[in-house]
Amino acid sequence: MADSLYELLAPQLASTNTSARAPEQDTTTAQYLNRLSTLSLQALETTEPQSLAQSSHSTLLSLQALSNRSHKAFITSADHLANLRTAIPQLTRDARQLQNAIPKLDEEAVQFSSKYSRTAENVTLDRRKKAMQLARNVDRLSDILELPTLLSTAVSSAAASSGVAGTSSSTTYSSALDLYAHIKRLQTLYPDSPLVKDVAAQAEDAMKDMTTNLITGLRTQNLRLAAAMRTVGWLRRVAPELENLNNDGGTGTGEGALGALFLICRLANLVSTLEALDPLRELADQETQRRNRQSDKQDGTSHAWSGGHQTERFLKRYIEIFREQSFAIVSLYKNIFVPDQSESELAVAGVRGLDARMRTASSRQIRKDDPLQCIPSALATFPMHLVQLLTDTLRSYLPNVQDKSSRESLLTQVLYCAASLGRLGGDFGMILTELSDAEDDESEGVACEWEELMRKHRALAGRLEQLTGGNATTGSSNKGTMRVASPVH
């Protein structure tokens, strides 16, 4: 029925709507034609046009509302639809390129698999493993690389603070030695590591700087016993080879070369302190020149030289510094460097008839099977060098002082200096009797005055000893009397 109605209405539909389709092509058209066949003629003439007009108006309103609400989506869809005719060919070309690249990708994957295979020795894979291990241990390596910098900083800061605060420098030097010990331990654990070898080499350079600073510290003014012992202890840790020297330039008392190094540093300090008297020395030299010129002009006359006041000032200050510094040097040495047990035993045994130095050398020779005699301690010859400095100065400048009381005061001061060193085993009183010169009558007079002064002081010391002994005897007898009388009371 729908097909018959469509054929009947086809000419009208073709003239009004070009987009109308046959019922077999459109289900909506077929349903409406079937509905028309069920209506009466009166309904077709009256109600159906109104129903169609109402439906058309309702559909128009719906389309307007839809277009107002979704016009952006319509525009976007229209644009995409317009681009679709170019996007589809582009997609086709890209898919073809991907298809052509798949064999090459497969070939590269096979090559990567064969290159990084674990079945055999693989240099590239080993290098990659090392790089990954290095990345994991970068913090540890960074800490190791910072060790030389930390060590150098500790050494420099200790050297800078040594003159300000001894405690801080002591702590810093101890930290530096701990860092150096840690580096040496790393070198023992990893002897074949180039990194550790480089770090150890830089640490050795820092230790050389520290050794230089410590040796410089031994030359400072007013060096105390505690500071000297700490410095020598640090030198024993930093440069143990100095202490282990025995035959080639070493000593025989167990101190190695440290004892000689200590004495040299303190001697340098003494010389620099005495050099501060150069202004007074220049004045004394001027008096020496005037005395020589006057003696040349006199030519055997009886006119005596009447100067020497500047020389007296110089010698007083010189002897004062020499006495203080020489006693301090020898005292520090004896407190820091303790003799060997063999020397102590020989001293206690008191074997007489042989020289103590030869006995000590002989005992060491037997103990160590050394065919050569051991070199004595550095202190054995050091006082002689000190005395040589003093005697040369006295021989040069003491003839300028002609006033008897002034000369006696200076010689008394020298005698006290000799007694001061004598408390440490370095009495040089008898050596000063050699001040005389065969060609100089003034030096001969100085030697005679020195001998006379020594005789006076010995006589005075004998009287004091007698008085002291008498008083001690009287005091002991009085004490005995009081002890006996005390029960009676």
Protein backbone atom coordinates (compact mmCIF):
# COMPACT_ATOMS: atom_id res chain seq x y z
CA MET A 1 0.00 0.00 0.00
CA ALA A 2 2.84 2.40 0.84
CA ASP A 3 4.47 1.74 -2.48
CA SER A 4 1.26 2.48 -4.37
CA LEU A 5 0.77 5.76 -2.53
CA TYR A 6 4.41 6.70 -3.18
CA GLU A 7 3.99 6.11 -6.88
CA LEU A 8 0.84 8.21 -6.85
CA LEU A 9 2.49 11.05 -4.95
CA ALA A 10 5.90 10.80 -6.60
CA PRO A 11 5.32 13.56 -9.17
CA GLN A 12 4.23 15.95 -6.42
CA LEU A 13 7.11 15.00 -4.17
CA ALA A 14 9.63 15.42 -6.94
CA SER A 15 8.45 18.98 -7.63
CA THR A 16 8.48 20.05 -3.95
CA ASN A 17 11.30 18.04 -2.30
CA THR A 18 14.21 16.76 -4.24
CA SER A 19 15.59 14.83 -1.26
CA ALA A 20 12.57 12.51 -0.85
CA ARG A 21 13.43 8.83 -1.06
CA ALA A 22 11.43 5.68 -1.81
CA PRO A 23 9.81 3.73 1.07
CA GLU A 24 12.21 0.83 0.63
CA GLN A 25 15.04 3.32 1.20
CA ASP A 26 13.53 5.29 4.10
CA THR A 27 11.57 3.67 6.95
CA THR A 28 10.14 7.04 8.04
CA THR A 29 8.54 7.56 4.63
CA ALA A 30 7.14 4.04 4.69
CA GLN A 31 5.61 4.51 8.14
CA TYR A 32 3.99 7.84 7.20
CA LEU A 33 2.49 6.38 3.96
CA ASN A 34 1.08 3.45 5.93
CA ARG A 35 -0.43 5.91 8.40
CA LEU A 36 -2.06 7.90 5.56
CA SER A 37 -3.78 4.79 4.32
CA THR A 38 -5.52 4.44 7.65
CA LEU A 39 -6.97 7.99 7.71
CA SER A 40 -10.30 9.00 6.33
CA LEU A 41 -10.79 11.53 3.61
CA GLN A 42 -12.24 14.09 5.99
CA ALA A 43 -9.22 13.70 8.30
CA LEU A 44 -6.93 14.11 5.39
CA GLU A 45 -8.59 17.35 4.49
CA THR A 46 -9.03 18.88 7.94
CA THR A 47 -6.73 17.56 10.70
CA GLU A 48 -3.73 16.20 8.82
CA PRO A 49 -2.55 19.54 7.38
CA GLN A 50 -2.80 21.10 10.81
CA SER A 51 -0.89 18.19 12.37
CA LEU A 52 1.82 18.47 9.75
CA ALA A 53 2.12 22.25 10.23
CA GLN A 54 2.37 21.81 14.02
CA SER A 55 4.98 19.10 13.67
CA SER A 56 6.94 21.22 11.23
CA HIS A 57 6.84 24.22 13.59
CA SER A 58 7.87 22.08 16.56
CA THR A 59 10.75 20.60 14.58
CA LEU A 60 11.85 24.07 13.49
CA LEU A 61 11.90 25.30 17.08
CA SER A 62 13.89 22.25 18.14
CA LEU A 63 16.40 22.85 15.36
CA GLN A 64 16.74 26.49 16.33
CA ALA A 65 17.30 25.62 19.98
CA LEU A 66 19.79 22.94 19.02
CA SER A 67 21.70 25.27 16.73
CA ASN A 68 21.77 27.99 19.38
CA ARG A 69 23.00 25.56 21.99
CA SER A 70 25.54 23.57 19.96
CA HIS A 71 26.58 25.87 17.17
CA LYS A 72 30.29 25.70 18.28
CA ALA A 73 30.24 21.93 18.05
CA PHE A 74 28.63 22.18 14.63
CA ILE A 75 31.31 24.57 13.45
CA THR A 76 34.10 22.39 14.85
CA SER A 77 32.58 19.30 13.30
CA ALA A 78 32.28 21.08 10.00
CA ASP A 79 35.95 22.11 10.15
CA HIS A 80 37.05 18.58 11.03
CA LEU A 81 34.93 17.25 8.25
CA ALA A 82 36.57 19.65 5.86
CA ASN A 83 40.06 18.56 7.04
CA LEU A 84 39.15 14.92 6.95
CA ARG A 85 39.74 14.64 3.24
CA THR A 86 43.40 15.68 3.73
CA ALA A 87 43.98 13.93 7.10
CA ILE A 88 43.04 10.51 5.84
CA PRO A 89 45.67 10.51 3.04
CA GLN A 90 48.32 11.80 5.50
CA LEU A 91 47.42 9.00 7.91
CA THR A 92 47.79 6.52 5.10
CA ARG A 93 51.27 7.82 4.25
CA ASP A 94 52.38 7.75 7.90
CA ALA A 95 51.13 4.21 8.32
CA ARG A 96 53.07 3.19 5.22
CA GLN A 97 56.27 4.81 6.58
CA LEU A 98 55.82 3.02 9.92
CA GLN A 99 55.35 -0.23 8.10
CA ASN A 100 58.55 0.36 6.15
CA ALA A 101 60.49 1.24 9.36
CA ILE A 102 59.55 -1.93 11.24
CA PRO A 103 62.26 -4.10 9.58
CA LYS A 104 64.95 -1.53 10.38
CA LEU A 105 63.72 -1.32 13.98
CA ASP A 106 63.85 -5.08 14.25
CA GLU A 107 67.40 -5.08 12.86
CA GLU A 108 68.52 -2.46 15.42
CA ALA A 109 66.90 -4.46 18.23
CA VAL A 110 68.75 -7.59 17.17
CA GLN A 111 72.04 -5.65 16.99
CA PHE A 112 71.49 -4.14 20.50
CA SER A 113 70.70 -7.58 21.90
CA SER A 114 73.87 -9.09 20.43
CA LYS A 115 76.01 -6.11 21.53
CA TYR A 116 74.92 -6.13 25.19
CA SER A 117 74.59 -9.86 25.57
CA ARG A 118 75.78 -11.34 28.90
CA THR A 119 76.71 -14.68 27.47
CA ALA A 120 80.33 -13.67 26.71
CA GLU A 121 82.98 -11.07 27.60
CA ASN A 122 81.58 -7.70 26.67
CA VAL A 123 83.83 -4.64 26.93
CA THR A 124 80.99 -2.20 26.35
CA LEU A 125 78.85 -3.81 29.03
CA ASP A 126 81.77 -3.78 31.48
CA ARG A 127 82.37 -0.11 30.77
CA ARG A 128 78.69 0.57 31.35
CA LYS A 129 78.77 -1.36 34.63
CA LYS A 130 81.77 0.67 35.77
CA ALA A 131 79.97 3.89 34.87
CA MET A 132 76.91 2.80 36.85
CA GLN A 133 79.09 1.81 39.81
CA LEU A 134 80.82 5.18 39.62
CA ALA A 135 77.44 6.92 39.63
CA ARG A 136 76.40 4.95 42.73
CA ASN A 137 79.64 5.76 44.60
CA VAL A 138 80.01 9.38 43.51
CA ASP A 139 79.43 10.61 47.09
CA ARG A 140 82.20 8.43 48.49
CA LEU A 141 84.59 9.44 45.75
CA SER A 142 83.75 13.07 46.37
CA ASP A 143 84.60 12.62 50.06
CA ILE A 144 87.93 11.00 49.16
CA LEU A 145 88.79 13.77 46.70
CA GLU A 146 88.08 16.38 49.38
CA LEU A 147 90.55 14.81 51.85
CA PRO A 148 93.67 16.65 50.53
CA THR A 149 91.81 19.97 50.59
CA LEU A 150 90.63 19.36 54.16
CA LEU A 151 94.15 18.37 55.17
CA SER A 152 95.72 21.46 53.61
CA THR A 153 93.07 23.67 55.23
CA ALA A 154 93.72 22.11 58.64
CA VAL A 155 97.48 22.59 58.29
CA SER A 156 97.19 26.20 57.15
CA SER A 157 94.65 27.10 59.85
CA ALA A 158 96.83 25.48 62.52
CA ALA A 159 99.83 27.44 61.30
CA ALA A 160 97.79 30.66 61.35
CA SER A 161 96.43 30.07 64.85
CA SER A 162 99.63 28.71 66.41
CA GLY A 163 100.76 32.19 67.40
CA VAL A 164 97.35 33.12 68.82
CA ALA A 165 95.92 30.15 70.65
CA GLY A 166 97.94 27.05 71.37
CA THR A 167 94.90 24.92 72.18
CA SER A 168 93.21 25.53 68.85
CA SER A 169 96.41 24.80 66.92
CA SER A 170 96.88 21.61 68.94
CA THR A 171 93.37 20.44 68.07
CA THR A 172 93.80 21.36 64.41
CA TYR A 173 97.15 19.60 64.11
CA SER A 174 95.64 16.50 65.74
CA SER A 175 92.79 16.58 63.21
CA ALA A 176 95.29 16.93 60.37
CA LEU A 177 97.26 13.93 61.64
CA ASP A 178 94.03 11.90 61.89
CA LEU A 179 93.17 12.79 58.30
CA TYR A 180 96.65 11.80 57.18
CA ALA A 181 96.37 8.48 59.02
CA HIS A 182 93.03 7.85 57.29
CA ILE A 183 94.61 8.54 53.88
CA LYS A 184 97.48 6.15 54.65
CA ARG A 185 94.94 3.51 55.66
CA LEU A 186 93.13 3.98 52.33
CA GLN A 187 96.46 3.60 50.55
CA THR A 188 97.05 0.33 52.40
CA LEU A 189 93.58 -0.97 51.53
CA TYR A 190 93.71 0.09 47.86
CA PRO A 191 97.38 0.04 46.82
CA ASP A 192 96.60 -0.18 43.07
CA SER A 193 94.05 2.65 42.89
CA PRO A 194 95.33 5.65 40.88
CA LEU A 195 92.86 7.90 42.71
CA VAL A 196 94.14 6.88 46.13
CA LYS A 197 97.75 7.27 44.95
CA ASP A 198 97.02 10.82 43.77
CA VAL A 199 95.30 11.67 47.05
CA ALA A 200 98.23 10.20 49.00
CA ALA A 201 100.70 12.28 46.96
CA GLN A 202 98.76 15.47 47.72
CA ALA A 203 98.61 14.46 51.39
CA GLU A 204 102.41 14.05 51.43
CA ASP A 205 102.78 17.60 50.12
CA ALA A 206 100.48 18.85 52.89
CA MET A 207 102.52 16.91 55.46
CA LYS A 208 105.70 18.56 54.16
CA ASP A 209 104.06 21.94 54.73
CA MET A 210 103.05 20.82 58.21
CA THR A 211 106.61 19.67 58.93
CA THR A 212 107.89 23.08 57.82
CA ASN A 213 105.36 24.81 60.07
CA LEU A 214 106.33 22.64 63.05
CA ILE A 215 110.03 23.29 62.53
CA THR A 216 109.23 27.00 62.28
CA GLY A 217 107.29 26.65 65.53
CA LEU A 218 110.44 25.38 67.26
CA ARG A 219 112.10 28.71 66.43
CA THR A 220 109.46 30.88 68.10
CA GLN A 221 110.20 33.16 71.03
CA ASN A 222 109.46 32.03 74.60
CA LEU A 223 108.86 28.39 73.69
CA ARG A 224 107.32 26.57 76.65
CA LEU A 225 107.93 22.97 77.63
CA ALA A 226 104.37 21.81 76.89
CA ALA A 227 104.35 23.42 73.43
CA ALA A 228 107.82 22.04 72.67
CA MET A 229 106.82 18.51 73.69
CA ARG A 230 103.67 18.71 71.58
CA THR A 231 105.62 19.97 68.58
CA VAL A 232 108.27 17.26 68.89
CA GLY A 233 105.54 14.65 69.29
CA TRP A 234 103.84 15.85 66.10
CA LEU A 235 107.19 15.77 64.29
CA ARG A 236 107.67 12.17 65.40
CA ARG A 237 104.33 11.31 63.78
CA VAL A 238 104.73 13.42 60.66
CA ALA A 239 108.39 12.63 59.92
CA PRO A 240 109.27 9.32 61.64
CA GLU A 241 112.37 9.04 59.47
CA LEU A 242 113.95 11.84 61.54
CA GLU A 243 113.67 9.71 64.66
CA ASN A 244 114.82 6.50 62.98
CA LEU A 245 118.19 7.91 61.89
CA ASN A 246 120.92 6.03 63.77
CA ASN A 247 124.10 5.80 61.75
CA ASP A 248 123.93 8.13 58.75
CA GLY A 249 123.71 11.50 60.40
CA GLY A 250 121.73 10.16 63.33
CA THR A 251 122.41 10.08 67.04
CA GLY A 252 122.89 7.28 69.46
CA THR A 253 120.42 8.24 72.15
CA GLY A 254 117.17 7.19 70.49
CA GLU A 255 116.14 10.69 69.52
CA GLY A 256 117.30 10.33 65.92
CA ALA A 257 117.81 13.64 64.20
CA LEU A 258 115.04 15.34 66.19
CA GLY A 259 117.41 16.30 68.99
CA ALA A 260 119.84 17.99 66.63
CA LEU A 261 116.95 19.64 64.79
CA PHE A 262 115.54 20.97 68.07
CA LEU A 263 118.91 22.39 69.13
CA ILE A 264 119.46 24.00 65.71
CA CYS A 265 116.05 25.67 65.83
CA ARG A 266 116.57 26.98 69.34
CA LEU A 267 120.08 28.12 68.40
CA ALA A 268 118.60 30.04 65.46
CA ASN A 269 116.17 31.69 67.89
CA LEU A 270 119.06 32.56 70.20
CA VAL A 271 121.06 34.06 67.33
CA SER A 272 118.07 36.10 66.12
CA THR A 273 117.51 37.35 69.68
CA LEU A 274 121.15 38.36 69.98
CA GLU A 275 120.97 40.06 66.60
CA ALA A 276 118.41 42.42 68.11
CA LEU A 277 121.37 43.90 70.01
CA ASP A 278 123.00 45.07 66.78
CA PRO A 279 122.50 48.79 67.60
CA LEU A 280 124.44 48.31 70.86
CA ARG A 281 126.97 46.13 69.04
CA GLU A 282 127.59 48.91 66.52
CA LEU A 283 128.30 51.34 69.35
CA ALA A 284 130.65 48.79 70.91
CA ASP A 285 132.40 48.37 67.55
CA GLN A 286 132.87 52.12 67.36
CA GLU A 287 134.48 52.05 70.81
CA THR A 288 136.71 49.20 69.66
CA GLN A 289 137.84 51.26 66.69
CA ARG A 290 138.54 54.29 68.90
CA ARG A 291 140.47 52.12 71.35
CA ASN A 292 142.57 50.66 68.55
CA ARG A 293 143.29 54.12 67.10
CA GLN A 294 144.23 55.46 70.52
CA SER A 295 146.52 52.50 71.20
CA ASP A 296 148.19 53.07 67.83
CA LYS A 297 148.74 56.76 68.62
CA GLN A 298 150.16 56.13 72.08
CA ASP A 299 152.95 53.86 70.87
CA GLY A 300 153.75 52.47 74.27
CA THR A 301 152.90 55.54 76.40
CA SER A 302 151.16 55.16 79.73
CA HIS A 303 147.91 56.82 78.75
CA ALA A 304 145.09 54.33 79.30
CA TRP A 305 141.86 53.89 77.42
CA SER A 306 139.00 55.45 79.40
CA GLY A 307 135.92 54.45 77.32
CA GLY A 308 133.82 51.31 77.24
CA HIS A 309 130.46 52.43 78.58
CA GLN A 310 128.53 51.38 75.43
CA THR A 311 130.42 48.09 75.34
CA GLU A 312 129.49 47.47 78.97
CA ARG A 313 125.81 48.00 78.14
CA PHE A 314 126.09 45.65 75.19
CA LEU A 315 127.88 42.92 77.12
CA LYS A 316 125.50 43.08 80.06
CA ARG A 317 122.50 42.64 77.83
CA TYR A 318 124.29 40.00 75.75
CA ILE A 319 125.26 37.89 78.76
CA GLU A 320 121.78 38.26 80.24
CA ILE A 321 120.10 36.96 77.09
CA PHE A 322 122.73 34.24 76.66
CA ARG A 323 122.27 33.01 80.23
CA GLU A 324 118.48 32.88 80.02
CA GLN A 325 118.26 31.32 76.55
CA SER A 326 121.09 28.78 76.96
CA PHE A 327 119.63 27.46 80.21
CA ALA A 328 116.17 27.25 78.62
CA ILE A 329 117.52 25.40 75.56
CA VAL A 330 119.41 22.75 77.51
CA SER A 331 116.61 22.37 80.05
CA LEU A 332 113.99 21.86 77.35
CA TYR A 333 116.21 19.33 75.59
CA LYS A 334 116.78 17.30 78.74
CA ASN A 335 113.06 17.27 79.55
CA ILE A 336 111.96 16.29 76.04
CA PHE A 337 114.62 13.79 74.96
CA VAL A 338 115.14 11.15 77.65
CA PRO A 339 118.37 9.12 77.33
CA ASP A 340 118.32 5.42 76.58
CA GLN A 341 118.05 2.85 79.31
CA SER A 342 121.57 1.68 78.57
CA GLU A 343 122.94 5.15 79.31
CA SER A 344 120.99 5.32 82.57
CA GLU A 345 122.30 1.94 83.65
CA LEU A 346 125.86 2.99 82.86
CA ALA A 347 125.43 6.20 84.83
CA VAL A 348 124.05 4.30 87.83
CA ALA A 349 126.76 1.67 87.71
CA GLY A 350 129.39 4.40 87.89
CA VAL A 351 132.18 2.40 86.31
CA ARG A 352 135.29 4.54 86.70
CA GLY A 353 138.48 4.72 84.72
CA LEU A 354 136.76 4.91 81.32
CA ASP A 355 135.16 7.74 79.54
CA ALA A 356 131.34 7.61 79.87
CA ARG A 357 130.82 8.42 76.20
CA MET A 358 133.07 5.59 75.07
CA ARG A 359 131.34 3.17 77.44
CA THR A 360 127.92 4.12 76.05
CA ALA A 361 129.10 3.76 72.47
CA SER A 362 130.66 0.40 73.29
CA SER A 363 127.45 -0.89 74.88
CA ARG A 364 125.41 0.15 71.86
CA GLN A 365 128.00 -1.39 69.55
CA ILE A 366 127.67 -4.71 71.31
CA ARG A 367 123.87 -4.50 71.42
CA LYS A 368 123.36 -3.57 67.77
CA ASP A 369 126.38 -5.42 66.30
CA ASP A 370 127.49 -2.16 64.73
CA PRO A 371 131.14 -2.25 63.62
CA LEU A 372 131.34 1.55 63.84
CA GLN A 373 131.12 3.69 66.92
CA CYS A 374 127.74 5.42 67.34
CA ILE A 375 127.64 9.17 67.09
CA PRO A 376 127.05 10.79 70.50
CA SER A 377 124.04 12.83 71.41
CA ALA A 378 123.64 16.27 69.86
CA LEU A 379 123.75 17.77 73.35
CA ALA A 380 127.30 16.48 73.84
CA THR A 381 128.79 19.15 71.58
CA PHE A 382 126.08 21.82 71.65
CA PRO A 383 127.20 23.55 74.91
CA MET A 384 130.68 23.87 73.45
CA HIS A 385 129.25 25.77 70.51
CA LEU A 386 127.31 28.05 72.86
CA VAL A 387 130.41 28.70 74.93
CA GLN A 388 132.33 29.45 71.73
CA LEU A 389 129.79 32.18 70.89
CA LEU A 390 130.18 33.70 74.34
CA THR A 391 133.98 33.49 74.47
CA ASP A 392 134.36 35.03 71.00
CA THR A 393 132.17 37.94 72.04
CA LEU A 394 134.04 38.43 75.33
CA ARG A 395 137.42 38.19 73.62
CA SER A 396 136.34 40.85 71.11
CA TYR A 397 134.61 43.39 73.34
CA LEU A 398 135.68 42.89 76.95
CA PRO A 399 139.03 44.73 76.46
CA ASN A 400 136.99 47.89 75.76
CA VAL A 401 135.82 47.95 79.38
CA GLN A 402 138.73 49.30 81.46
CA ASP A 403 136.85 50.16 84.62
CA LYS A 404 137.72 47.49 87.17
CA SER A 405 134.34 47.40 88.91
CA SER A 406 132.54 47.17 85.58
CA ARG A 407 134.77 44.35 84.39
CA GLU A 408 134.31 42.52 87.66
CA SER A 409 130.53 42.94 87.37
CA LEU A 410 130.57 41.52 83.85
CA LEU A 411 132.78 38.59 84.84
CA THR A 412 130.53 37.89 87.82
CA GLN A 413 127.59 37.81 85.47
CA VAL A 414 129.50 35.33 83.27
CA LEU A 415 130.29 33.25 86.36
CA TYR A 416 126.61 33.07 87.23
CA CYS A 417 125.89 32.05 83.65
CA ALA A 418 128.46 29.23 83.90
CA ALA A 419 126.96 28.10 87.22
CA SER A 420 123.48 28.18 85.65
CA LEU A 421 124.55 25.84 82.85
CA GLY A 422 126.54 23.84 85.40
CA ARG A 423 123.27 22.79 87.03
CA LEU A 424 122.55 21.00 83.73
CA GLY A 425 126.01 19.55 83.32
CA GLY A 426 127.46 22.31 81.14
CA ASP A 427 129.73 24.30 83.44
CA PHE A 428 132.23 26.21 81.29
CA GLY A 429 133.99 28.15 84.03
CA MET A 430 137.39 26.58 83.34
CA ILE A 431 137.09 27.18 79.61
CA LEU A 432 137.03 30.94 80.13
CA THR A 433 140.57 30.77 81.45
CA GLU A 434 141.57 30.28 77.80
CA LEU A 435 140.46 33.80 76.92
CA SER A 436 144.06 34.94 76.87
CA ASP A 437 145.77 35.50 73.55
CA ALA A 438 149.53 35.16 73.17
CA GLU A 439 149.72 38.40 71.20
CA ASP A 440 147.24 40.42 73.30
CA ASP A 441 148.18 41.60 76.77
CA GLU A 442 144.65 42.84 77.48
CA SER A 443 143.14 39.38 76.95
CA GLU A 444 145.84 37.98 79.23
CA GLY A 445 144.67 40.42 81.89
CA VAL A 446 141.08 39.30 81.39
CA ALA A 447 142.09 35.69 81.97
CA CYS A 448 143.92 36.65 85.15
CA GLU A 449 140.94 38.63 86.40
CA TRP A 450 138.70 35.65 85.65
CA GLU A 451 140.95 33.32 87.63
CA GLU A 452 141.06 35.76 90.53
CA LEU A 453 137.29 36.12 90.47
CA MET A 454 136.84 32.36 90.53
CA ARG A 455 139.17 32.06 93.51
CA LYS A 456 137.22 34.72 95.39
CA HIS A 457 133.92 33.05 94.71
CA ARG A 458 135.25 29.65 95.70
CA ALA A 459 136.57 31.08 98.94
CA LEU A 460 133.24 32.77 99.56
CA ALA A 461 131.41 29.55 98.77
CA GLY A 462 133.66 27.68 101.22
CA ARG A 463 132.91 30.15 104.00
CA LEU A 464 129.20 29.93 103.30
CA GLU A 465 129.41 26.13 103.39
CA GLN A 466 131.22 26.25 106.71
CA LEU A 467 128.66 28.66 108.15
CA THR A 468 125.83 26.54 106.80
CA GLY A 469 127.40 23.36 108.19
CA GLY A 470 127.94 24.99 111.59
CA ASN A 471 124.41 26.26 111.76
CA ALA A 472 123.10 22.86 110.73
CA THR A 473 125.14 21.17 113.50
CA THR A 474 123.98 23.69 116.10
CA GLY A 475 120.40 23.33 114.96
CA SER A 476 120.55 19.53 115.15
CA SER A 477 122.04 19.64 118.65
CA ASN A 478 119.38 22.07 119.78
CA LYS A 479 116.71 19.83 118.34
CA GLY A 480 118.19 16.87 120.18
CA THR A 481 118.19 18.83 123.43
CA MET A 482 114.59 19.79 122.92
CA ARG A 483 113.66 16.18 122.17
CA VAL A 484 115.42 15.01 125.32
CA ALA A 485 113.91 17.78 127.45
CA SER A 486 110.42 17.39 126.18
CA PRO A 487 109.48 14.40 128.40
CA VAL A 488 110.58 16.34 131.49
CA HIS A 489 108.22 19.12 130.59
